[in-house]
């Protein structure tokens, strides 16, 4: 069994919980996820199985789309409703102010990583510092927001959709939106609706998988890269990690041999270089 499985993660499960459950259901230890979701969050969790675990880094780098719900009036240490209240604010902005604040975050900016996160500082995860009440200076990293829009706003509760680059913390974005409006807020709910071309509409619950009601995606399903079928001589070169000469556009290509997936190579100036070997046993 090799492929990519799109899971619709339920609330109160960690991403690791999902992997552990799939280890048992699918009877394999070679499973990896491609982007952590907090226990509070739901939605698209892209899972790589067996040989496809080699794609984890490539898929983790894909842009992500979320529908987030935030509530004005207070802030917690975790930046969501599961945490301890550390600040209360009376000011509730109007819709025009909210739209203006959201639009101000379009493009690139620097974001402070939340304290309750798995980001490592000096070899230790930030949430370990938090749990031991040990001070640590929170790192900042560049993020990019491609699209953001209000879906609904009523009684100080805002629901919005946002498309972001890898590494963007939505809890931190919500904190920063509120601070931009000179108030405070927390994340109430979060659903990841897309990761690259993977959509919530194509996902399966763990219950679906347990009942065998799922389909794995292969390279052609996942990527729109050109397909190249290799001759016998070219197969030997590719399997030995050699370069191939082919007249193709620059970019990634998928190599096949007699209908079987072999590898992803990177083409530049008609030279194809190895990138990810999927199956070296062909």
C-alpha atoms as a PDB file:
ATOM      1  CA  UNK A   1       0.000   0.000   0.000  1.00  0.00           C
ATOM      2  CA  UNK A   2       1.559   3.268  -1.194  1.00  0.00           C
ATOM      3  CA  UNK A   3      -0.060   6.635  -1.746  1.00  0.00           C
ATOM      4  CA  UNK A   4      -1.480   9.804  -0.230  1.00  0.00           C
ATOM      5  CA  UNK A   5      -4.604   9.798   1.937  1.00  0.00           C
ATOM      6  CA  UNK A   6      -6.523  13.003   2.699  1.00  0.00           C
ATOM      7  CA  UNK A   7      -8.006  12.833   6.188  1.00  0.00           C
ATOM      8  CA  UNK A   8     -10.677  15.126   7.618  1.00  0.00           C
ATOM      9  CA  UNK A   9      -9.255  15.445  11.135  1.00  0.00           C
ATOM     10  CA  UNK A  10     -11.761  15.535  13.945  1.00  0.00           C
ATOM     11  CA  UNK A  11     -11.630  17.952  16.881  1.00  0.00           C
ATOM     12  CA  UNK A  12      -9.675  16.880  19.991  1.00  0.00           C
ATOM     13  CA  UNK A  13      -7.314  14.652  17.983  1.00  0.00           C
ATOM     14  CA  UNK A  14      -3.672  15.642  17.600  1.00  0.00           C
ATOM     15  CA  UNK A  15      -2.045  15.057  14.220  1.00  0.00           C
ATOM     16  CA  UNK A  16       0.062  12.380  15.929  1.00  0.00           C
ATOM     17  CA  UNK A  17      -3.124  10.711  17.207  1.00  0.00           C
ATOM     18  CA  UNK A  18      -4.338  10.416  13.613  1.00  0.00           C
ATOM     19  CA  UNK A  19      -1.057   8.853  12.476  1.00  0.00           C
ATOM     20  CA  UNK A  20      -1.097   6.392  15.386  1.00  0.00           C
ATOM     21  CA  UNK A  21      -4.659   5.365  14.570  1.00  0.00           C
ATOM     22  CA  UNK A  22      -3.817   4.883  10.891  1.00  0.00           C
ATOM     23  CA  UNK A  23      -0.764   2.782  11.818  1.00  0.00           C
ATOM     24  CA  UNK A  24      -3.165   0.257  13.330  1.00  0.00           C
ATOM     25  CA  UNK A  25      -5.940   0.486  10.718  1.00  0.00           C
ATOM     26  CA  UNK A  26      -3.591   0.199   7.730  1.00  0.00           C
ATOM     27  CA  UNK A  27      -1.128  -2.100   9.497  1.00  0.00           C
ATOM     28  CA  UNK A  28       1.970  -0.097   8.612  1.00  0.00           C
ATOM     29  CA  UNK A  29       4.409   2.058  10.575  1.00  0.00           C
ATOM     30  CA  UNK A  30       5.568   4.091   7.578  1.00  0.00           C
ATOM     31  CA  UNK A  31       3.051   6.937   7.776  1.00  0.00           C
ATOM     32  CA  UNK A  32       3.716  10.669   7.997  1.00  0.00           C
ATOM     33  CA  UNK A  33       1.544  13.785   8.034  1.00  0.00           C
ATOM     34  CA  UNK A  34       2.343  16.965   6.145  1.00  0.00           C
ATOM     35  CA  UNK A  35       1.336  19.808   8.445  1.00  0.00           C
ATOM     36  CA  UNK A  36       0.334  19.823  12.112  1.00  0.00           C
ATOM     37  CA  UNK A  37      -3.207  20.750  13.153  1.00  0.00           C
ATOM     38  CA  UNK A  38      -3.948  21.733  16.766  1.00  0.00           C
ATOM     39  CA  UNK A  39      -6.381  19.481  18.669  1.00  0.00           C
ATOM     40  CA  UNK A  40      -8.960  22.290  18.456  1.00  0.00           C
ATOM     41  CA  UNK A  41      -8.658  22.417  14.658  1.00  0.00           C
ATOM     42  CA  UNK A  42     -10.384  20.194  12.111  1.00  0.00           C
ATOM     43  CA  UNK A  43     -10.076  19.572   8.396  1.00  0.00           C
ATOM     44  CA  UNK A  44      -7.523  18.577   5.810  1.00  0.00           C
ATOM     45  CA  UNK A  45      -4.606  16.522   7.094  1.00  0.00           C
ATOM     46  CA  UNK A  46      -2.577  15.083   4.210  1.00  0.00           C
ATOM     47  CA  UNK A  47      -1.112  11.669   5.051  1.00  0.00           C
ATOM     48  CA  UNK A  48       1.741   9.940   3.184  1.00  0.00           C
ATOM     49  CA  UNK A  49       1.890   6.153   3.311  1.00  0.00           C
ATOM     50  CA  UNK A  50       4.947   3.887   2.875  1.00  0.00           C
ATOM     51  CA  UNK A  51       7.051   4.928  -0.184  1.00  0.00           C
ATOM     52  CA  UNK A  52       5.089   8.180  -0.400  1.00  0.00           C
ATOM     53  CA  UNK A  53       6.545   9.337   2.942  1.00  0.00           C
ATOM     54  CA  UNK A  54       9.396  10.633   0.774  1.00  0.00           C
ATOM     55  CA  UNK A  55       6.952  13.354  -0.356  1.00  0.00           C
ATOM     56  CA  UNK A  56       6.311  14.744   3.139  1.00  0.00           C
ATOM     57  CA  UNK A  57       8.588  17.794   2.829  1.00  0.00           C
ATOM     58  CA  UNK A  58       7.327  18.628  -0.660  1.00  0.00           C
ATOM     59  CA  UNK A  59       3.671  18.451   0.393  1.00  0.00           C
ATOM     60  CA  UNK A  60       4.232  20.274   3.698  1.00  0.00           C
ATOM     61  CA  UNK A  61       5.449  23.280   1.704  1.00  0.00           C
ATOM     62  CA  UNK A  62       2.095  23.693  -0.108  1.00  0.00           C
ATOM     63  CA  UNK A  63      -0.109  26.726   0.579  1.00  0.00           C
ATOM     64  CA  UNK A  64      -2.987  26.208   2.994  1.00  0.00           C
ATOM     65  CA  UNK A  65      -6.528  27.589   3.221  1.00  0.00           C
ATOM     66  CA  UNK A  66      -8.424  27.933   6.499  1.00  0.00           C
ATOM     67  CA  UNK A  67     -11.786  29.064   7.763  1.00  0.00           C
ATOM     68  CA  UNK A  68     -11.193  30.596  11.180  1.00  0.00           C
ATOM     69  CA  UNK A  69     -13.552  31.902  13.845  1.00  0.00           C
ATOM     70  CA  UNK A  70     -12.383  34.452  16.395  1.00  0.00           C
ATOM     71  CA  UNK A  71     -14.092  36.166  19.305  1.00  0.00           C
ATOM     72  CA  UNK A  72     -13.263  39.671  20.469  1.00  0.00           C
ATOM     73  CA  UNK A  73     -13.120  40.559  24.167  1.00  0.00           C
ATOM     74  CA  UNK A  74     -10.289  38.563  25.724  1.00  0.00           C
ATOM     75  CA  UNK A  75      -6.937  36.882  25.063  1.00  0.00           C
ATOM     76  CA  UNK A  76      -5.526  33.639  26.467  1.00  0.00           C
ATOM     77  CA  UNK A  77      -2.027  32.233  26.946  1.00  0.00           C
ATOM     78  CA  UNK A  78      -2.665  29.685  24.156  1.00  0.00           C
ATOM     79  CA  UNK A  79      -4.357  32.302  21.922  1.00  0.00           C
ATOM     80  CA  UNK A  80      -7.453  30.088  21.664  1.00  0.00           C
ATOM     81  CA  UNK A  81     -10.478  29.200  23.821  1.00  0.00           C
ATOM     82  CA  UNK A  82      -8.678  26.292  25.497  1.00  0.00           C
ATOM     83  CA  UNK A  83      -6.248  28.556  27.352  1.00  0.00           C
ATOM     84  CA  UNK A  84      -6.137  30.691  30.486  1.00  0.00           C
ATOM     85  CA  UNK A  85      -7.401  34.263  30.160  1.00  0.00           C
ATOM     86  CA  UNK A  86      -4.528  36.754  30.431  1.00  0.00           C
ATOM     87  CA  UNK A  87      -6.225  39.910  29.141  1.00  0.00           C
ATOM     88  CA  UNK A  88      -9.736  41.340  28.748  1.00  0.00           C
ATOM     89  CA  UNK A  89     -10.740  44.108  26.338  1.00  0.00           C
ATOM     90  CA  UNK A  90     -13.990  46.039  26.087  1.00  0.00           C
ATOM     91  CA  UNK A  91     -13.630  47.432  22.576  1.00  0.00           C
ATOM     92  CA  UNK A  92     -15.480  45.596  19.794  1.00  0.00           C
ATOM     93  CA  UNK A  93     -14.643  47.000  16.311  1.00  0.00           C
ATOM     94  CA  UNK A  94     -17.215  47.516  13.579  1.00  0.00           C
ATOM     95  CA  UNK A  95     -17.276  45.608  10.282  1.00  0.00           C
ATOM     96  CA  UNK A  96     -15.465  48.274   8.250  1.00  0.00           C
ATOM     97  CA  UNK A  97     -12.648  48.409  10.776  1.00  0.00           C
ATOM     98  CA  UNK A  98     -12.402  44.616  10.717  1.00  0.00           C
ATOM     99  CA  UNK A  99     -12.207  44.476   6.910  1.00  0.00           C
ATOM    100  CA  UNK A 100      -9.527  47.158   6.859  1.00  0.00           C
ATOM    101  CA  UNK A 101      -7.472  45.320   9.487  1.00  0.00           C
ATOM    102  CA  UNK A 102      -7.708  42.008   7.633  1.00  0.00           C
ATOM    103  CA  UNK A 103      -6.617  43.576   4.335  1.00  0.00           C
ATOM    104  CA  UNK A 104      -3.592  45.149   6.031  1.00  0.00           C
ATOM    105  CA  UNK A 105      -2.152  41.659   6.555  1.00  0.00           C
ATOM    106  CA  UNK A 106      -2.122  40.759   2.858  1.00  0.00           C
ATOM    107  CA  UNK A 107       1.369  40.035   1.553  1.00  0.00           C
ATOM    108  CA  UNK A 108       4.515  39.348   3.547  1.00  0.00           C
ATOM    109  CA  UNK A 109       5.054  40.232   7.191  1.00  0.00           C
ATOM    110  CA  UNK A 110       6.846  39.032  10.325  1.00  0.00           C
ATOM    111  CA  UNK A 111       4.894  36.934  12.811  1.00  0.00           C
ATOM    112  CA  UNK A 112       5.747  35.999  16.379  1.00  0.00           C
ATOM    113  CA  UNK A 113       5.428  32.251  16.924  1.00  0.00           C
ATOM    114  CA  UNK A 114       2.929  31.330  19.680  1.00  0.00           C
ATOM    115  CA  UNK A 115       4.319  30.095  22.977  1.00  0.00           C
ATOM    116  CA  UNK A 116       2.132  26.995  22.899  1.00  0.00           C
ATOM    117  CA  UNK A 117       3.554  25.473  19.729  1.00  0.00           C
ATOM    118  CA  UNK A 118       5.956  22.720  18.672  1.00  0.00           C
ATOM    119  CA  UNK A 119       8.474  25.201  17.277  1.00  0.00           C
ATOM    120  CA  UNK A 120      11.918  24.450  18.707  1.00  0.00           C
ATOM    121  CA  UNK A 121      14.206  27.015  20.354  1.00  0.00           C
ATOM    122  CA  UNK A 122      17.625  25.793  21.478  1.00  0.00           C
ATOM    123  CA  UNK A 123      16.502  22.212  20.847  1.00  0.00           C
ATOM    124  CA  UNK A 124      13.419  22.451  23.052  1.00  0.00           C
ATOM    125  CA  UNK A 125       9.784  22.821  21.965  1.00  0.00           C
ATOM    126  CA  UNK A 126       8.142  26.092  22.953  1.00  0.00           C
ATOM    127  CA  UNK A 127       5.236  24.419  24.732  1.00  0.00           C
ATOM    128  CA  UNK A 128       7.776  22.695  27.014  1.00  0.00           C
ATOM    129  CA  UNK A 129       9.050  26.129  28.065  1.00  0.00           C
ATOM    130  CA  UNK A 130       5.438  27.186  28.686  1.00  0.00           C
ATOM    131  CA  UNK A 131       4.602  24.128  30.793  1.00  0.00           C
ATOM    132  CA  UNK A 132       7.688  24.588  32.973  1.00  0.00           C
ATOM    133  CA  UNK A 133       7.069  28.353  33.338  1.00  0.00           C
ATOM    134  CA  UNK A 134      10.517  28.985  31.869  1.00  0.00           C
ATOM    135  CA  UNK A 135      11.057  32.290  30.051  1.00  0.00           C
ATOM    136  CA  UNK A 136      11.980  32.104  26.394  1.00  0.00           C
ATOM    137  CA  UNK A 137      12.149  34.816  23.777  1.00  0.00           C
ATOM    138  CA  UNK A 138       9.613  33.924  21.115  1.00  0.00           C
ATOM    139  CA  UNK A 139      11.073  33.729  17.599  1.00  0.00           C
ATOM    140  CA  UNK A 140       9.640  35.639  14.661  1.00  0.00           C
ATOM    141  CA  UNK A 141       9.375  34.345  11.112  1.00  0.00           C
ATOM    142  CA  UNK A 142       8.256  35.673   7.768  1.00  0.00           C
ATOM    143  CA  UNK A 143       4.766  34.691   6.666  1.00  0.00           C
ATOM    144  CA  UNK A 144       2.740  35.474   3.569  1.00  0.00           C
ATOM    145  CA  UNK A 145      -1.016  35.865   3.223  1.00  0.00           C
ATOM    146  CA  UNK A 146      -2.378  35.571  -0.297  1.00  0.00           C
ATOM    147  CA  UNK A 147      -6.087  36.082   0.330  1.00  0.00           C
ATOM    148  CA  UNK A 148      -8.271  36.965   3.297  1.00  0.00           C
ATOM    149  CA  UNK A 149     -11.987  37.732   3.461  1.00  0.00           C
ATOM    150  CA  UNK A 150     -14.802  38.119   5.968  1.00  0.00           C
ATOM    151  CA  UNK A 151     -17.434  35.377   5.864  1.00  0.00           C
ATOM    152  CA  UNK A 152     -19.597  36.608   8.732  1.00  0.00           C
ATOM    153  CA  UNK A 153     -19.457  39.031  11.657  1.00  0.00           C
ATOM    154  CA  UNK A 154     -22.040  39.158  14.454  1.00  0.00           C
ATOM    155  CA  UNK A 155     -21.915  40.031  18.151  1.00  0.00           C
ATOM    156  CA  UNK A 156     -18.128  40.302  18.195  1.00  0.00           C
ATOM    157  CA  UNK A 157     -17.612  36.910  16.557  1.00  0.00           C
ATOM    158  CA  UNK A 158     -15.773  36.994  13.236  1.00  0.00           C
ATOM    159  CA  UNK A 159     -15.528  34.148  10.733  1.00  0.00           C
ATOM    160  CA  UNK A 160     -13.026  34.622   7.916  1.00  0.00           C
ATOM    161  CA  UNK A 161     -11.318  32.633   5.162  1.00  0.00           C
ATOM    162  CA  UNK A 162      -7.583  32.942   4.618  1.00  0.00           C
ATOM    163  CA  UNK A 163      -5.049  31.457   2.189  1.00  0.00           C
ATOM    164  CA  UNK A 164      -1.509  31.394   3.558  1.00  0.00           C
ATOM    165  CA  UNK A 165       2.031  30.229   2.991  1.00  0.00           C
ATOM    166  CA  UNK A 166       3.470  27.346   4.994  1.00  0.00           C
ATOM    167  CA  UNK A 167       4.458  28.294   8.538  1.00  0.00           C
ATOM    168  CA  UNK A 168       1.658  30.764   9.247  1.00  0.00           C
ATOM    169  CA  UNK A 169       0.055  30.340  12.678  1.00  0.00           C
ATOM    170  CA  UNK A 170      -3.627  31.291  12.508  1.00  0.00           C
ATOM    171  CA  UNK A 171      -3.810  31.747  16.292  1.00  0.00           C
ATOM    172  CA  UNK A 172      -1.032  34.318  16.041  1.00  0.00           C
ATOM    173  CA  UNK A 173      -2.716  35.980  13.066  1.00  0.00           C
ATOM    174  CA  UNK A 174      -5.905  36.344  15.109  1.00  0.00           C
ATOM    175  CA  UNK A 175      -3.936  37.887  17.981  1.00  0.00           C
ATOM    176  CA  UNK A 176      -2.259  40.321  15.568  1.00  0.00           C
ATOM    177  CA  UNK A 177      -5.553  41.269  13.873  1.00  0.00           C
ATOM    178  CA  UNK A 178      -7.024  42.124  17.269  1.00  0.00           C
ATOM    179  CA  UNK A 179      -3.953  44.108  18.312  1.00  0.00           C
ATOM    180  CA  UNK A 180      -4.146  46.022  15.020  1.00  0.00           C
ATOM    181  CA  UNK A 181      -7.655  47.022  16.112  1.00  0.00           C
ATOM    182  CA  UNK A 182      -6.431  48.018  19.606  1.00  0.00           C
ATOM    183  CA  UNK A 183      -8.319  45.190  21.264  1.00  0.00           C
ATOM    184  CA  UNK A 184      -7.907  41.455  21.918  1.00  0.00           C
ATOM    185  CA  UNK A 185      -9.414  38.202  20.698  1.00  0.00           C
ATOM    186  CA  UNK A 186      -9.065  34.429  20.748  1.00  0.00           C
ATOM    187  CA  UNK A 187      -9.472  31.679  18.184  1.00  0.00           C
ATOM    188  CA  UNK A 188     -12.746  29.839  18.726  1.00  0.00           C
ATOM    189  CA  UNK A 189     -12.658  27.419  15.811  1.00  0.00           C
ATOM    190  CA  UNK A 190     -10.402  26.498  12.897  1.00  0.00           C
ATOM    191  CA  UNK A 191     -10.938  24.323   9.836  1.00  0.00           C
ATOM    192  CA  UNK A 192      -8.260  23.664   7.225  1.00  0.00           C
ATOM    193  CA  UNK A 193     -10.214  23.497   3.972  1.00  0.00           C
ATOM    194  CA  UNK A 194      -7.352  23.123   1.493  1.00  0.00           C
ATOM    195  CA  UNK A 195      -3.675  22.216   1.262  1.00  0.00           C
ATOM    196  CA  UNK A 196      -2.381  22.747  -2.244  1.00  0.00           C
ATOM    197  CA  UNK A 197      -4.856  20.879  -4.459  1.00  0.00           C
ATOM    198  CA  UNK A 198      -6.124  18.733  -1.582  1.00  0.00           C
ATOM    199  CA  UNK A 199      -9.624  19.823  -0.575  1.00  0.00           C
ATOM    200  CA  UNK A 200     -11.922  19.033   2.333  1.00  0.00           C
ATOM    201  CA  UNK A 201     -14.415  17.707  -0.233  1.00  0.00           C
ATOM    202  CA  UNK A 202     -11.907  14.957  -1.163  1.00  0.00           C
ATOM    203  CA  UNK A 203     -11.170  13.919   2.427  1.00  0.00           C
ATOM    204  CA  UNK A 204     -12.118  10.891   4.521  1.00  0.00           C
ATOM    205  CA  UNK A 205     -12.800  10.486   8.221  1.00  0.00           C
ATOM    206  CA  UNK A 206     -10.950   7.913  10.289  1.00  0.00           C
ATOM    207  CA  UNK A 207     -14.221   6.007  10.461  1.00  0.00           C
ATOM    208  CA  UNK A 208     -14.328   5.922   6.637  1.00  0.00           C
ATOM    209  CA  UNK A 209     -10.820   4.483   6.540  1.00  0.00           C
ATOM    210  CA  UNK A 210     -11.640   1.892   9.185  1.00  0.00           C
ATOM    211  CA  UNK A 211     -14.581   0.750   7.025  1.00  0.00           C
ATOM    212  CA  UNK A 212     -12.393   0.662   3.904  1.00  0.00           C
ATOM    213  CA  UNK A 213     -14.273   3.546   2.275  1.00  0.00           C
ATOM    214  CA  UNK A 214     -11.332   5.541   0.926  1.00  0.00           C
ATOM    215  CA  UNK A 215      -9.117   5.989  -2.126  1.00  0.00           C
ATOM    216  CA  UNK A 216      -5.371   6.655  -2.133  1.00  0.00           C
ATOM    217  CA  UNK A 217      -3.947   9.307  -4.449  1.00  0.00           C
ATOM    218  CA  UNK A 218      -0.904   8.653  -6.646  1.00  0.00           C
ATOM    219  CA  UNK A 219       1.623  11.061  -8.176  1.00  0.00           C
ATOM    220  CA  UNK A 220      -0.576  11.915 -11.174  1.00  0.00           C
ATOM    221  CA  UNK A 221      -3.492  12.714  -8.840  1.00  0.00           C
ATOM    222  CA  UNK A 222      -1.348  14.954  -6.671  1.00  0.00           C
ATOM    223  CA  UNK A 223       0.812  16.858  -9.143  1.00  0.00           C
ATOM    224  CA  UNK A 224       0.294  18.329 -12.588  1.00  0.00           C
ATOM    225  CA  UNK A 225       3.926  17.609 -13.496  1.00  0.00           C
ATOM    226  CA  UNK A 226       4.611  16.273 -17.017  1.00  0.00           C
ATOM    227  CA  UNK A 227       4.850  12.495 -17.356  1.00  0.00           C
ATOM    228  CA  UNK A 228       7.827  10.825 -19.018  1.00  0.00           C
ATOM    229  CA  UNK A 229       7.947   7.121 -19.870  1.00  0.00           C
ATOM    230  CA  UNK A 230      11.469   5.709 -19.824  1.00  0.00           C
ATOM    231  CA  UNK A 231      13.151   3.225 -22.141  1.00  0.00           C
ATOM    232  CA  UNK A 232      15.133   0.311 -20.672  1.00  0.00           C
ATOM    233  CA  UNK A 233      18.474   2.113 -20.999  1.00  0.00           C
ATOM    234  CA  UNK A 234      17.109   5.266 -19.354  1.00  0.00           C
ATOM    235  CA  UNK A 235      15.650   3.234 -16.475  1.00  0.00           C
ATOM    236  CA  UNK A 236      19.079   1.956 -15.484  1.00  0.00           C
ATOM    237  CA  UNK A 237      20.546   5.462 -15.486  1.00  0.00           C
ATOM    238  CA  UNK A 238      17.656   6.862 -13.426  1.00  0.00           C
ATOM    239  CA  UNK A 239      17.786   4.055 -10.841  1.00  0.00           C
ATOM    240  CA  UNK A 240      21.524   4.654 -10.383  1.00  0.00           C
ATOM    241  CA  UNK A 241      20.870   8.346  -9.677  1.00  0.00           C
ATOM    242  CA  UNK A 242      22.207   9.582 -12.996  1.00  0.00           C
ATOM    243  CA  UNK A 243      21.047  12.536 -15.056  1.00  0.00           C
ATOM    244  CA  UNK A 244      18.883  12.161 -18.145  1.00  0.00           C
ATOM    245  CA  UNK A 245      18.740  14.375 -21.203  1.00  0.00           C
ATOM    246  CA  UNK A 246      15.212  15.139 -22.407  1.00  0.00           C
ATOM    247  CA  UNK A 247      13.656  18.038 -24.250  1.00  0.00           C
ATOM    248  CA  UNK A 248      11.181  19.252 -21.613  1.00  0.00           C
ATOM    249  CA  UNK A 249      10.201  22.485 -19.883  1.00  0.00           C
ATOM    250  CA  UNK A 250      12.078  23.408 -16.720  1.00  0.00           C
ATOM    251  CA  UNK A 251      10.474  22.063 -13.551  1.00  0.00           C
ATOM    252  CA  UNK A 252       9.533  18.774 -11.954  1.00  0.00           C
ATOM    253  CA  UNK A 253       8.617  15.734 -14.054  1.00  0.00           C
ATOM    254  CA  UNK A 254       7.309  12.286 -13.086  1.00  0.00           C
ATOM    255  CA  UNK A 255       9.226   9.320 -14.484  1.00  0.00           C
ATOM    256  CA  UNK A 256       7.436   6.073 -15.314  1.00  0.00           C
ATOM    257  CA  UNK A 257       8.585   2.712 -16.566  1.00  0.00           C
ATOM    258  CA  UNK A 258       6.002   0.388 -18.135  1.00  0.00           C
ATOM    259  CA  UNK A 259       3.204   2.230 -16.356  1.00  0.00           C
ATOM    260  CA  UNK A 260       4.823   2.150 -12.910  1.00  0.00           C
ATOM    261  CA  UNK A 261       5.870   5.222 -10.938  1.00  0.00           C
ATOM    262  CA  UNK A 262       9.621   5.493 -10.584  1.00  0.00           C
ATOM    263  CA  UNK A 263      10.638   8.978  -9.433  1.00  0.00           C
ATOM    264  CA  UNK A 264      10.292  12.740  -9.545  1.00  0.00           C
ATOM    265  CA  UNK A 265      13.165  14.425 -11.374  1.00  0.00           C
ATOM    266  CA  UNK A 266      13.921  18.135 -11.696  1.00  0.00           C
ATOM    267  CA  UNK A 267      14.417  19.406 -15.238  1.00  0.00           C
ATOM    268  CA  UNK A 268      16.552  22.402 -16.149  1.00  0.00           C
ATOM    269  CA  UNK A 269      17.962  23.236 -19.572  1.00  0.00           C
ATOM    270  CA  UNK A 270      16.826  19.795 -20.813  1.00  0.00           C
ATOM    271  CA  UNK A 271      18.832  18.000 -18.110  1.00  0.00           C
ATOM    272  CA  UNK A 272      16.792  15.895 -15.674  1.00  0.00           C
ATOM    273  CA  UNK A 273      18.316  15.434 -12.226  1.00  0.00           C
ATOM    274  CA  UNK A 274      17.074  13.079  -9.460  1.00  0.00           C
ATOM    275  CA  UNK A 275      14.824  14.676  -6.839  1.00  0.00           C
ATOM    276  CA  UNK A 276      12.718  11.974  -5.156  1.00  0.00           C
ATOM    277  CA  UNK A 277      12.994   8.253  -5.885  1.00  0.00           C
ATOM    278  CA  UNK A 278       9.599   6.652  -5.302  1.00  0.00           C
ATOM    279  CA  UNK A 279      10.282   3.042  -6.269  1.00  0.00           C
ATOM    280  CA  UNK A 280      13.799   1.803  -6.947  1.00  0.00           C
ATOM    281  CA  UNK A 281      12.668  -1.827  -7.163  1.00  0.00           C
ATOM    282  CA  UNK A 282      11.152  -1.628 -10.647  1.00  0.00           C
END
